[in-house]
């Protein structure tokens, strides 16, 4: 019995660090965002905020669904945010804007 309890404890510890699903979701959310946001050159455009708000509203639906299906600890949330932010940066989103959107995401993740 002690061996089973020890193995269960090890499994729980290892699962705490298994952020594969969170990373996958962070990447898919970034892809969703990147495919739908207006170009950065349109940032001063009056419609830019409306377009971004519309995309963010759709992202909230995805975030809520993901959170219902997955229990996220601090580590997994951090991994999700990191993958999301780097996907934006790799797509040449300006760093300050990537920071702003990532901060928004992390607030929604709770």
PDB file of N, CA and C in Angstrom:
ATOM      1  N   UNK A   1       0.821  -1.195   0.000  1.00  0.00           N
ATOM      2  CA  UNK A   1       0.000   0.000   0.000  1.00  0.00           C
ATOM      3  C   UNK A   1       0.865   1.259   0.000  1.00  0.00           C
ATOM      4  N   UNK A   2       1.950   1.237   0.742  1.00  0.00           N
ATOM      5  CA  UNK A   2       2.836   2.398   0.810  1.00  0.00           C
ATOM      6  C   UNK A   2       3.459   2.695  -0.549  1.00  0.00           C
ATOM      7  N   UNK A   3       3.742   1.642  -1.319  1.00  0.00           N
ATOM      8  CA  UNK A   3       4.318   1.828  -2.649  1.00  0.00           C
ATOM      9  C   UNK A   3       3.299   2.504  -3.566  1.00  0.00           C
ATOM     10  N   UNK A   4       2.045   2.080  -3.479  1.00  0.00           N
ATOM     11  CA  UNK A   4       1.005   2.686  -4.303  1.00  0.00           C
ATOM     12  C   UNK A   4       0.815   4.161  -3.947  1.00  0.00           C
ATOM     13  N   UNK A   5       0.836   4.456  -2.660  1.00  0.00           N
ATOM     14  CA  UNK A   5       0.684   5.844  -2.227  1.00  0.00           C
ATOM     15  C   UNK A   5       1.853   6.689  -2.718  1.00  0.00           C
ATOM     16  N   UNK A   6       3.041   6.133  -2.663  1.00  0.00           N
ATOM     17  CA  UNK A   6       4.229   6.849  -3.121  1.00  0.00           C
ATOM     18  C   UNK A   6       4.143   7.097  -4.632  1.00  0.00           C
ATOM     19  N   UNK A   7       3.729   6.082  -5.384  1.00  0.00           N
ATOM     20  CA  UNK A   7       3.586   6.234  -6.833  1.00  0.00           C
ATOM     21  C   UNK A   7       2.512   7.258  -7.184  1.00  0.00           C
ATOM     22  N   UNK A   8       1.435   7.242  -6.439  1.00  0.00           N
ATOM     23  CA  UNK A   8       0.380   8.223  -6.655  1.00  0.00           C
ATOM     24  C   UNK A   8       0.906   9.628  -6.396  1.00  0.00           C
ATOM     25  N   UNK A   9       1.667   9.784  -5.346  1.00  0.00           N
ATOM     26  CA  UNK A   9       2.259  11.085  -5.029  1.00  0.00           C
ATOM     27  C   UNK A   9       3.205  11.552  -6.115  1.00  0.00           C
ATOM     28  N   UNK A  10       4.021  10.657  -6.628  1.00  0.00           N
ATOM     29  CA  UNK A  10       4.944  11.000  -7.717  1.00  0.00           C
ATOM     30  C   UNK A  10       4.165  11.392  -8.960  1.00  0.00           C
ATOM     31  N   UNK A  11       3.117  10.636  -9.268  1.00  0.00           N
ATOM     32  CA  UNK A  11       2.280  10.950 -10.428  1.00  0.00           C
ATOM     33  C   UNK A  11       1.650  12.335 -10.287  1.00  0.00           C
ATOM     34  N   UNK A  12       1.168  12.646  -9.089  1.00  0.00           N
ATOM     35  CA  UNK A  12       0.538  13.949  -8.861  1.00  0.00           C
ATOM     36  C   UNK A  12       1.546  15.073  -9.038  1.00  0.00           C
ATOM     37  N   UNK A  13       2.745  14.865  -8.548  1.00  0.00           N
ATOM     38  CA  UNK A  13       3.788  15.884  -8.691  1.00  0.00           C
ATOM     39  C   UNK A  13       4.136  16.085 -10.158  1.00  0.00           C
ATOM     40  N   UNK A  14       4.319  14.991 -10.868  1.00  0.00           N
ATOM     41  CA  UNK A  14       4.659  15.093 -12.285  1.00  0.00           C
ATOM     42  C   UNK A  14       3.523  15.711 -13.095  1.00  0.00           C
ATOM     43  N   UNK A  15       2.286  15.377 -12.774  1.00  0.00           N
ATOM     44  CA  UNK A  15       1.157  15.949 -13.514  1.00  0.00           C
ATOM     45  C   UNK A  15       1.040  17.454 -13.256  1.00  0.00           C
ATOM     46  N   UNK A  16       1.515  17.911 -12.102  1.00  0.00           N
ATOM     47  CA  UNK A  16       1.487  19.337 -11.798  1.00  0.00           C
ATOM     48  C   UNK A  16       2.334  20.106 -12.815  1.00  0.00           C
ATOM     49  N   UNK A  17       3.404  19.469 -13.292  1.00  0.00           N
ATOM     50  CA  UNK A  17       4.313  20.116 -14.235  1.00  0.00           C
ATOM     51  C   UNK A  17       3.995  19.802 -15.696  1.00  0.00           C
ATOM     52  N   UNK A  18       2.999  18.975 -15.947  1.00  0.00           N
ATOM     53  CA  UNK A  18       2.652  18.629 -17.325  1.00  0.00           C
ATOM     54  C   UNK A  18       1.805  19.743 -17.929  1.00  0.00           C
ATOM     55  N   UNK A  19       2.458  20.627 -18.634  1.00  0.00           N
ATOM     56  CA  UNK A  19       1.785  21.801 -19.196  1.00  0.00           C
ATOM     57  C   UNK A  19       1.531  21.655 -20.692  1.00  0.00           C
ATOM     58  N   UNK A  20       1.586  20.445 -21.215  1.00  0.00           N
ATOM     59  CA  UNK A  20       1.437  20.238 -22.662  1.00  0.00           C
ATOM     60  C   UNK A  20       0.112  20.789 -23.189  1.00  0.00           C
ATOM     61  N   UNK A  21      -0.986  20.496 -22.506  1.00  0.00           N
ATOM     62  CA  UNK A  21      -2.293  20.984 -22.965  1.00  0.00           C
ATOM     63  C   UNK A  21      -2.375  22.509 -22.872  1.00  0.00           C
ATOM     64  N   UNK A  22      -1.827  23.066 -21.819  1.00  0.00           N
ATOM     65  CA  UNK A  22      -1.839  24.523 -21.653  1.00  0.00           C
ATOM     66  C   UNK A  22      -1.021  25.192 -22.754  1.00  0.00           C
ATOM     67  N   UNK A  23       0.138  24.621 -23.069  1.00  0.00           N
ATOM     68  CA  UNK A  23       0.974  25.178 -24.132  1.00  0.00           C
ATOM     69  C   UNK A  23       0.279  25.076 -25.485  1.00  0.00           C
ATOM     70  N   UNK A  24      -0.338  23.952 -25.720  1.00  0.00           N
ATOM     71  CA  UNK A  24      -1.061  23.749 -26.977  1.00  0.00           C
ATOM     72  C   UNK A  24      -2.184  24.781 -27.112  1.00  0.00           C
ATOM     73  N   UNK A  25      -2.905  25.010 -26.018  1.00  0.00           N
ATOM     74  CA  UNK A  25      -3.983  26.000 -26.039  1.00  0.00           C
ATOM     75  C   UNK A  25      -3.429  27.405 -26.242  1.00  0.00           C
ATOM     76  N   UNK A  26      -2.325  27.728 -25.579  1.00  0.00           N
ATOM     77  CA  UNK A  26      -1.703  29.045 -25.744  1.00  0.00           C
ATOM     78  C   UNK A  26      -1.312  29.288 -27.197  1.00  0.00           C
ATOM     79  N   UNK A  27      -0.757  28.274 -27.842  1.00  0.00           N
ATOM     80  CA  UNK A  27      -0.360  28.397 -29.256  1.00  0.00           C
ATOM     81  C   UNK A  27      -1.582  28.548 -30.149  1.00  0.00           C
ATOM     82  N   UNK A  28      -2.626  27.773 -29.876  1.00  0.00           N
ATOM     83  CA  UNK A  28      -3.819  27.868 -30.727  1.00  0.00           C
ATOM     84  C   UNK A  28      -4.531  29.201 -30.525  1.00  0.00           C
ATOM     85  N   UNK A  29      -4.519  29.704 -29.312  1.00  0.00           N
ATOM     86  CA  UNK A  29      -5.135  31.006 -29.036  1.00  0.00           C
ATOM     87  C   UNK A  29      -4.359  32.122 -29.739  1.00  0.00           C
ATOM     88  N   UNK A  30      -3.047  32.018 -29.725  1.00  0.00           N
ATOM     89  CA  UNK A  30      -2.225  33.017 -30.430  1.00  0.00           C
ATOM     90  C   UNK A  30      -2.510  32.964 -31.923  1.00  0.00           C
ATOM     91  N   UNK A  31      -2.602  31.769 -32.469  1.00  0.00           N
ATOM     92  CA  UNK A  31      -2.892  31.617 -33.896  1.00  0.00           C
ATOM     93  C   UNK A  31      -4.251  32.222 -34.232  1.00  0.00           C
ATOM     94  N   UNK A  32      -5.237  31.945 -33.394  1.00  0.00           N
ATOM     95  CA  UNK A  32      -6.578  32.504 -33.563  1.00  0.00           C
ATOM     96  C   UNK A  32      -6.509  34.029 -33.584  1.00  0.00           C
ATOM     97  N   UNK A  33      -5.795  34.586 -32.619  1.00  0.00           N
ATOM     98  CA  UNK A  33      -5.652  36.037 -32.510  1.00  0.00           C
ATOM     99  C   UNK A  33      -4.954  36.611 -33.739  1.00  0.00           C
ATOM    100  N   UNK A  34      -3.844  36.005 -34.121  1.00  0.00           N
ATOM    101  CA  UNK A  34      -3.046  36.519 -35.234  1.00  0.00           C
ATOM    102  C   UNK A  34      -3.792  36.460 -36.563  1.00  0.00           C
ATOM    103  N   UNK A  35      -4.616  35.463 -36.743  1.00  0.00           N
ATOM    104  CA  UNK A  35      -5.367  35.333 -37.992  1.00  0.00           C
ATOM    105  C   UNK A  35      -6.483  36.356 -38.111  1.00  0.00           C
ATOM    106  N   UNK A  36      -6.886  36.947 -36.989  1.00  0.00           N
ATOM    107  CA  UNK A  36      -8.064  37.801 -37.009  1.00  0.00           C
ATOM    108  C   UNK A  36      -7.825  39.277 -36.690  1.00  0.00           C
ATOM    109  N   UNK A  37      -6.682  39.598 -36.106  1.00  0.00           N
ATOM    110  CA  UNK A  37      -6.474  41.004 -35.751  1.00  0.00           C
ATOM    111  C   UNK A  37      -6.091  41.818 -36.984  1.00  0.00           C
ATOM    112  N   UNK A  38      -6.426  43.078 -36.952  1.00  0.00           N
ATOM    113  CA  UNK A  38      -5.997  43.958 -38.042  1.00  0.00           C
ATOM    114  C   UNK A  38      -4.482  44.135 -37.997  1.00  0.00           C
ATOM    115  N   UNK A  39      -3.941  44.565 -39.090  1.00  0.00           N
ATOM    116  CA  UNK A  39      -2.494  44.809 -39.154  1.00  0.00           C
ATOM    117  C   UNK A  39      -2.113  45.909 -38.175  1.00  0.00           C
ATOM    118  N   UNK A  40      -0.896  45.823 -37.656  1.00  0.00           N
ATOM    119  CA  UNK A  40      -0.413  46.820 -36.695  1.00  0.00           C
ATOM    120  C   UNK A  40      -0.428  48.218 -37.308  1.00  0.00           C
ATOM    121  N   UNK A  41      -0.295  48.302 -38.617  1.00  0.00           N
ATOM    122  CA  UNK A  41      -0.302  49.611 -39.287  1.00  0.00           C
ATOM    123  C   UNK A  41      -1.657  50.296 -39.157  1.00  0.00           C
ATOM    124  N   UNK A  42      -2.696  49.525 -38.830  1.00  0.00           N
ATOM    125  CA  UNK A  42      -4.034  50.081 -38.678  1.00  0.00           C
ATOM    126  C   UNK A  42      -4.322  50.480 -37.230  1.00  0.00           C
ATOM    127  N   UNK A  43      -3.308  50.415 -36.377  1.00  0.00           N
ATOM    128  CA  UNK A  43      -3.530  50.627 -34.949  1.00  0.00           C
ATOM    129  C   UNK A  43      -4.178  51.973 -34.640  1.00  0.00           C
ATOM    130  N   UNK A  44      -3.885  53.006 -35.414  1.00  0.00           N
ATOM    131  CA  UNK A  44      -4.495  54.315 -35.188  1.00  0.00           C
ATOM    132  C   UNK A  44      -5.892  54.425 -35.757  1.00  0.00           C
ATOM    133  N   UNK A  45      -6.287  53.472 -36.564  1.00  0.00           N
ATOM    134  CA  UNK A  45      -7.598  53.446 -37.202  1.00  0.00           C
ATOM    135  C   UNK A  45      -8.698  53.383 -36.142  1.00  0.00           C
ATOM    136  N   UNK A  46      -9.790  54.114 -36.381  1.00  0.00           N
ATOM    137  CA  UNK A  46     -10.904  54.127 -35.431  1.00  0.00           C
ATOM    138  C   UNK A  46     -11.518  52.745 -35.266  1.00  0.00           C
ATOM    139  N   UNK A  47     -11.511  51.972 -36.316  1.00  0.00           N
ATOM    140  CA  UNK A  47     -12.125  50.649 -36.290  1.00  0.00           C
ATOM    141  C   UNK A  47     -11.218  49.596 -35.648  1.00  0.00           C
ATOM    142  N   UNK A  48      -9.953  49.927 -35.446  1.00  0.00           N
ATOM    143  CA  UNK A  48      -9.000  48.956 -34.912  1.00  0.00           C
ATOM    144  C   UNK A  48      -9.471  48.397 -33.571  1.00  0.00           C
ATOM    145  N   UNK A  49      -9.838  49.269 -32.669  1.00  0.00           N
ATOM    146  CA  UNK A  49     -10.274  48.833 -31.332  1.00  0.00           C
ATOM    147  C   UNK A  49     -11.510  47.953 -31.415  1.00  0.00           C
ATOM    148  N   UNK A  50     -12.442  48.317 -32.284  1.00  0.00           N
ATOM    149  CA  UNK A  50     -13.653  47.510 -32.447  1.00  0.00           C
ATOM    150  C   UNK A  50     -13.309  46.113 -32.941  1.00  0.00           C
ATOM    151  N   UNK A  51     -12.413  46.046 -33.916  1.00  0.00           N
ATOM    152  CA  UNK A  51     -12.023  44.754 -34.483  1.00  0.00           C
ATOM    153  C   UNK A  51     -11.333  43.893 -33.425  1.00  0.00           C
ATOM    154  N   UNK A  52     -10.422  44.501 -32.685  1.00  0.00           N
ATOM    155  CA  UNK A  52      -9.699  43.760 -31.651  1.00  0.00           C
ATOM    156  C   UNK A  52     -10.659  43.319 -30.549  1.00  0.00           C
ATOM    157  N   UNK A  53     -11.553  44.196 -30.125  1.00  0.00           N
ATOM    158  CA  UNK A  53     -12.525  43.837 -29.092  1.00  0.00           C
ATOM    159  C   UNK A  53     -13.376  42.647 -29.520  1.00  0.00           C
ATOM    160  N   UNK A  54     -13.743  42.619 -30.787  1.00  0.00           N
ATOM    161  CA  UNK A  54     -14.539  41.507 -31.312  1.00  0.00           C
ATOM    162  C   UNK A  54     -13.752  40.190 -31.227  1.00  0.00           C
ATOM    163  N   UNK A  55     -12.486  40.235 -31.595  1.00  0.00           N
ATOM    164  CA  UNK A  55     -11.629  39.045 -31.525  1.00  0.00           C
ATOM    165  C   UNK A  55     -11.458  38.614 -30.070  1.00  0.00           C
ATOM    166  N   UNK A  56     -11.239  39.563 -29.179  1.00  0.00           N
ATOM    167  CA  UNK A  56     -11.050  39.239 -27.764  1.00  0.00           C
ATOM    168  C   UNK A  56     -12.310  38.611 -27.158  1.00  0.00           C
ATOM    169  N   UNK A  57     -13.479  39.078 -27.583  1.00  0.00           N
ATOM    170  CA  UNK A  57     -14.727  38.484 -27.103  1.00  0.00           C
ATOM    171  C   UNK A  57     -14.812  37.014 -27.515  1.00  0.00           C
ATOM    172  N   UNK A  58     -14.416  36.716 -28.740  1.00  0.00           N
ATOM    173  CA  UNK A  58     -14.416  35.328 -29.207  1.00  0.00           C
ATOM    174  C   UNK A  58     -13.386  34.495 -28.444  1.00  0.00           C
ATOM    175  N   UNK A  59     -12.276  35.120 -28.099  1.00  0.00           N
ATOM    176  CA  UNK A  59     -11.246  34.412 -27.332  1.00  0.00           C
ATOM    177  C   UNK A  59     -11.744  34.086 -25.929  1.00  0.00           C
ATOM    178  N   UNK A  60     -12.532  34.969 -25.342  1.00  0.00           N
ATOM    179  CA  UNK A  60     -13.061  34.736 -23.997  1.00  0.00           C
ATOM    180  C   UNK A  60     -13.882  33.452 -23.973  1.00  0.00           C
ATOM    181  N   UNK A  61     -14.661  33.219 -25.010  1.00  0.00           N
ATOM    182  CA  UNK A  61     -15.460  31.995 -25.086  1.00  0.00           C
ATOM    183  C   UNK A  61     -14.540  30.771 -25.055  1.00  0.00           C
ATOM    184  N   UNK A  62     -13.464  30.824 -25.821  1.00  0.00           N
ATOM    185  CA  UNK A  62     -12.513  29.710 -25.854  1.00  0.00           C
ATOM    186  C   UNK A  62     -11.830  29.529 -24.494  1.00  0.00           C
ATOM    187  N   UNK A  63     -11.479  30.638 -23.871  1.00  0.00           N
ATOM    188  CA  UNK A  63     -10.807  30.591 -22.568  1.00  0.00           C
ATOM    189  C   UNK A  63     -11.717  29.952 -21.513  1.00  0.00           C
ATOM    190  N   UNK A  64     -12.966  30.368 -21.485  1.00  0.00           N
ATOM    191  CA  UNK A  64     -13.920  29.823 -20.515  1.00  0.00           C
ATOM    192  C   UNK A  64     -14.075  28.318 -20.726  1.00  0.00           C
ATOM    193  N   UNK A  65     -14.208  27.903 -21.968  1.00  0.00           N
ATOM    194  CA  UNK A  65     -14.353  26.470 -22.254  1.00  0.00           C
ATOM    195  C   UNK A  65     -13.111  25.701 -21.820  1.00  0.00           C
ATOM    196  N   UNK A  66     -11.939  26.237 -22.105  1.00  0.00           N
ATOM    197  CA  UNK A  66     -10.703  25.561 -21.729  1.00  0.00           C
ATOM    198  C   UNK A  66     -10.588  25.445 -20.215  1.00  0.00           C
ATOM    199  N   UNK A  67     -10.902  26.520 -19.517  1.00  0.00           N
ATOM    200  CA  UNK A  67     -10.809  26.505 -18.065  1.00  0.00           C
ATOM    201  C   UNK A  67     -11.789  25.512 -17.442  1.00  0.00           C
ATOM    202  N   UNK A  68     -12.939  25.304 -18.069  1.00  0.00           N
ATOM    203  CA  UNK A  68     -13.911  24.339 -17.557  1.00  0.00           C
ATOM    204  C   UNK A  68     -13.404  22.909 -17.704  1.00  0.00           C
ATOM    205  N   UNK A  69     -12.607  22.682 -18.742  1.00  0.00           N
ATOM    206  CA  UNK A  69     -12.147  21.326 -19.040  1.00  0.00           C
ATOM    207  C   UNK A  69     -10.780  20.996 -18.454  1.00  0.00           C
ATOM    208  N   UNK A  70     -10.022  22.009 -18.039  1.00  0.00           N
ATOM    209  CA  UNK A  70      -8.654  21.791 -17.558  1.00  0.00           C
ATOM    210  C   UNK A  70      -8.423  22.556 -16.262  1.00  0.00           C
ATOM    211  N   UNK A  71      -7.846  21.860 -15.321  1.00  0.00           N
ATOM    212  CA  UNK A  71      -7.465  22.522 -14.074  1.00  0.00           C
ATOM    213  C   UNK A  71      -6.052  23.077 -14.272  1.00  0.00           C
ATOM    214  N   UNK A  72      -5.926  24.375 -14.162  1.00  0.00           N
ATOM    215  CA  UNK A  72      -4.635  25.020 -14.398  1.00  0.00           C
ATOM    216  C   UNK A  72      -4.043  25.544 -13.098  1.00  0.00           C
ATOM    217  N   UNK A  73      -2.834  25.125 -12.827  1.00  0.00           N
ATOM    218  CA  UNK A  73      -2.112  25.677 -11.687  1.00  0.00           C
ATOM    219  C   UNK A  73      -1.265  26.855 -12.180  1.00  0.00           C
ATOM    220  N   UNK A  74      -0.544  27.458 -11.293  1.00  0.00           N
ATOM    221  CA  UNK A  74       0.264  28.629 -11.625  1.00  0.00           C
ATOM    222  C   UNK A  74       1.280  28.327 -12.718  1.00  0.00           C
ATOM    223  N   UNK A  75       1.925  27.193 -12.615  1.00  0.00           N
ATOM    224  CA  UNK A  75       2.941  26.813 -13.604  1.00  0.00           C
ATOM    225  C   UNK A  75       2.322  26.666 -14.993  1.00  0.00           C
ATOM    226  N   UNK A  76       1.198  25.987 -15.082  1.00  0.00           N
ATOM    227  CA  UNK A  76       0.552  25.768 -16.372  1.00  0.00           C
ATOM    228  C   UNK A  76       0.059  27.084 -16.974  1.00  0.00           C
ATOM    229  N   UNK A  77      -0.459  27.968 -16.149  1.00  0.00           N
ATOM    230  CA  UNK A  77      -0.889  29.282 -16.640  1.00  0.00           C
ATOM    231  C   UNK A  77       0.304  30.063 -17.180  1.00  0.00           C
ATOM    232  N   UNK A  78       1.422  29.994 -16.470  1.00  0.00           N
ATOM    233  CA  UNK A  78       2.627  30.704 -16.918  1.00  0.00           C
ATOM    234  C   UNK A  78       3.119  30.152 -18.256  1.00  0.00           C
ATOM    235  N   UNK A  79       3.090  28.847 -18.406  1.00  0.00           N
ATOM    236  CA  UNK A  79       3.515  28.233 -19.665  1.00  0.00           C
ATOM    237  C   UNK A  79       2.588  28.641 -20.802  1.00  0.00           C
ATOM    238  N   UNK A  80       1.299  28.644 -20.548  1.00  0.00           N
ATOM    239  CA  UNK A  80       0.318  29.061 -21.546  1.00  0.00           C
ATOM    240  C   UNK A  80       0.604  30.499 -21.998  1.00  0.00           C
ATOM    241  N   UNK A  81       0.774  31.387 -21.033  1.00  0.00           N
ATOM    242  CA  UNK A  81       1.044  32.789 -21.346  1.00  0.00           C
ATOM    243  C   UNK A  81       2.353  32.970 -22.090  1.00  0.00           C
ATOM    244  N   UNK A  82       3.360  32.209 -21.718  1.00  0.00           N
ATOM    245  CA  UNK A  82       4.666  32.305 -22.364  1.00  0.00           C
ATOM    246  C   UNK A  82       4.586  31.889 -23.830  1.00  0.00           C
ATOM    247  N   UNK A  83       3.925  30.767 -24.098  1.00  0.00           N
ATOM    248  CA  UNK A  83       3.775  30.299 -25.480  1.00  0.00           C
ATOM    249  C   UNK A  83       2.977  31.312 -26.291  1.00  0.00           C
ATOM    250  N   UNK A  84       1.909  31.831 -25.702  1.00  0.00           N
ATOM    251  CA  UNK A  84       1.076  32.826 -26.385  1.00  0.00           C
ATOM    252  C   UNK A  84       1.901  34.064 -26.756  1.00  0.00           C
ATOM    253  N   UNK A  85       2.613  34.596 -25.774  1.00  0.00           N
ATOM    254  CA  UNK A  85       3.382  35.814 -26.010  1.00  0.00           C
ATOM    255  C   UNK A  85       4.466  35.611 -27.071  1.00  0.00           C
ATOM    256  N   UNK A  86       5.195  34.494 -26.985  1.00  0.00           N
ATOM    257  CA  UNK A  86       6.269  34.254 -27.956  1.00  0.00           C
ATOM    258  C   UNK A  86       5.724  34.029 -29.360  1.00  0.00           C
ATOM    259  N   UNK A  87       4.535  33.459 -29.463  1.00  0.00           N
ATOM    260  CA  UNK A  87       3.926  33.307 -30.791  1.00  0.00           C
ATOM    261  C   UNK A  87       3.628  34.680 -31.385  1.00  0.00           C
ATOM    262  N   UNK A  88       3.166  35.605 -30.548  1.00  0.00           N
ATOM    263  CA  UNK A  88       2.909  36.966 -31.022  1.00  0.00           C
ATOM    264  C   UNK A  88       4.211  37.650 -31.429  1.00  0.00           C
ATOM    265  N   UNK A  89       5.217  37.529 -30.583  1.00  0.00           N
ATOM    266  CA  UNK A  89       6.503  38.157 -30.885  1.00  0.00           C
ATOM    267  C   UNK A  89       7.129  37.566 -32.147  1.00  0.00           C
ATOM    268  N   UNK A  90       7.029  36.247 -32.299  1.00  0.00           N
ATOM    269  CA  UNK A  90       7.565  35.591 -33.498  1.00  0.00           C
ATOM    270  C   UNK A  90       6.838  36.035 -34.762  1.00  0.00           C
ATOM    271  N   UNK A  91       5.590  36.485 -34.608  1.00  0.00           N
ATOM    272  CA  UNK A  91       4.806  36.974 -35.742  1.00  0.00           C
ATOM    273  C   UNK A  91       5.009  38.480 -35.947  1.00  0.00           C
ATOM    274  N   UNK A  92       6.028  39.029 -35.276  1.00  0.00           N
ATOM    275  CA  UNK A  92       6.390  40.445 -35.409  1.00  0.00           C
ATOM    276  C   UNK A  92       5.344  41.413 -34.849  1.00  0.00           C
ATOM    277  N   UNK A  93       4.578  40.955 -33.868  1.00  0.00           N
ATOM    278  CA  UNK A  93       3.704  41.873 -33.150  1.00  0.00           C
ATOM    279  C   UNK A  93       4.620  42.711 -32.266  1.00  0.00           C
ATOM    280  N   UNK A  94       4.449  44.031 -32.251  1.00  0.00           N
ATOM    281  CA  UNK A  94       5.304  44.872 -31.403  1.00  0.00           C
ATOM    282  C   UNK A  94       5.283  44.400 -29.943  1.00  0.00           C
ATOM    283  N   UNK A  95       6.442  44.433 -29.310  1.00  0.00           N
ATOM    284  CA  UNK A  95       6.599  43.890 -27.958  1.00  0.00           C
ATOM    285  C   UNK A  95       5.622  44.502 -26.957  1.00  0.00           C
ATOM    286  N   UNK A  96       5.410  45.807 -27.028  1.00  0.00           N
ATOM    287  CA  UNK A  96       4.496  46.433 -26.068  1.00  0.00           C
ATOM    288  C   UNK A  96       3.059  45.947 -26.264  1.00  0.00           C
ATOM    289  N   UNK A  97       2.670  45.730 -27.503  1.00  0.00           N
ATOM    290  CA  UNK A  97       1.327  45.237 -27.786  1.00  0.00           C
ATOM    291  C   UNK A  97       1.200  43.764 -27.381  1.00  0.00           C
ATOM    292  N   UNK A  98       2.239  42.965 -27.632  1.00  0.00           N
ATOM    293  CA  UNK A  98       2.253  41.559 -27.208  1.00  0.00           C
ATOM    294  C   UNK A  98       2.146  41.473 -25.683  1.00  0.00           C
ATOM    295  N   UNK A  99       2.849  42.354 -24.980  1.00  0.00           N
ATOM    296  CA  UNK A  99       2.765  42.402 -23.516  1.00  0.00           C
ATOM    297  C   UNK A  99       1.346  42.727 -23.056  1.00  0.00           C
ATOM    298  N   UNK A 100       0.738  43.710 -23.710  1.00  0.00           N
ATOM    299  CA  UNK A 100      -0.608  44.156 -23.345  1.00  0.00           C
ATOM    300  C   UNK A 100      -1.633  43.032 -23.536  1.00  0.00           C
ATOM    301  N   UNK A 101      -1.573  42.356 -24.679  1.00  0.00           N
ATOM    302  CA  UNK A 101      -2.526  41.288 -24.967  1.00  0.00           C
ATOM    303  C   UNK A 101      -2.262  40.075 -24.062  1.00  0.00           C
ATOM    304  N   UNK A 102      -1.002  39.787 -23.802  1.00  0.00           N
ATOM    305  CA  UNK A 102      -0.675  38.668 -22.914  1.00  0.00           C
ATOM    306  C   UNK A 102      -1.155  38.952 -21.498  1.00  0.00           C
ATOM    307  N   UNK A 103      -0.996  40.172 -21.057  1.00  0.00           N
ATOM    308  CA  UNK A 103      -1.484  40.556 -19.727  1.00  0.00           C
ATOM    309  C   UNK A 103      -3.006  40.382 -19.666  1.00  0.00           C
ATOM    310  N   UNK A 104      -3.690  40.802 -20.717  1.00  0.00           N
ATOM    311  CA  UNK A 104      -5.143  40.625 -20.798  1.00  0.00           C
ATOM    312  C   UNK A 104      -5.492  39.139 -20.678  1.00  0.00           C
ATOM    313  N   UNK A 105      -4.778  38.310 -21.434  1.00  0.00           N
ATOM    314  CA  UNK A 105      -5.022  36.864 -21.413  1.00  0.00           C
ATOM    315  C   UNK A 105      -4.829  36.301 -20.004  1.00  0.00           C
ATOM    316  N   UNK A 106      -3.746  36.682 -19.374  1.00  0.00           N
ATOM    317  CA  UNK A 106      -3.444  36.137 -18.039  1.00  0.00           C
ATOM    318  C   UNK A 106      -4.507  36.563 -17.024  1.00  0.00           C
ATOM    319  N   UNK A 107      -5.036  37.760 -17.178  1.00  0.00           N
ATOM    320  CA  UNK A 107      -6.116  38.196 -16.293  1.00  0.00           C
ATOM    321  C   UNK A 107      -7.362  37.342 -16.507  1.00  0.00           C
ATOM    322  N   UNK A 108      -7.632  37.003 -17.760  1.00  0.00           N
ATOM    323  CA  UNK A 108      -8.810  36.164 -18.068  1.00  0.00           C
ATOM    324  C   UNK A 108      -8.595  34.732 -17.594  1.00  0.00           C
ATOM    325  N   UNK A 109      -7.364  34.279 -17.582  1.00  0.00           N
ATOM    326  CA  UNK A 109      -7.066  32.923 -17.126  1.00  0.00           C
ATOM    327  C   UNK A 109      -7.254  32.806 -15.611  1.00  0.00           C
ATOM    328  N   UNK A 110      -7.174  33.962 -14.939  1.00  0.00           N
ATOM    329  CA  UNK A 110      -7.401  33.977 -13.490  1.00  0.00           C
ATOM    330  C   UNK A 110      -6.254  33.579 -12.721  1.00  0.00           C
TER     331      UNK A 110
END
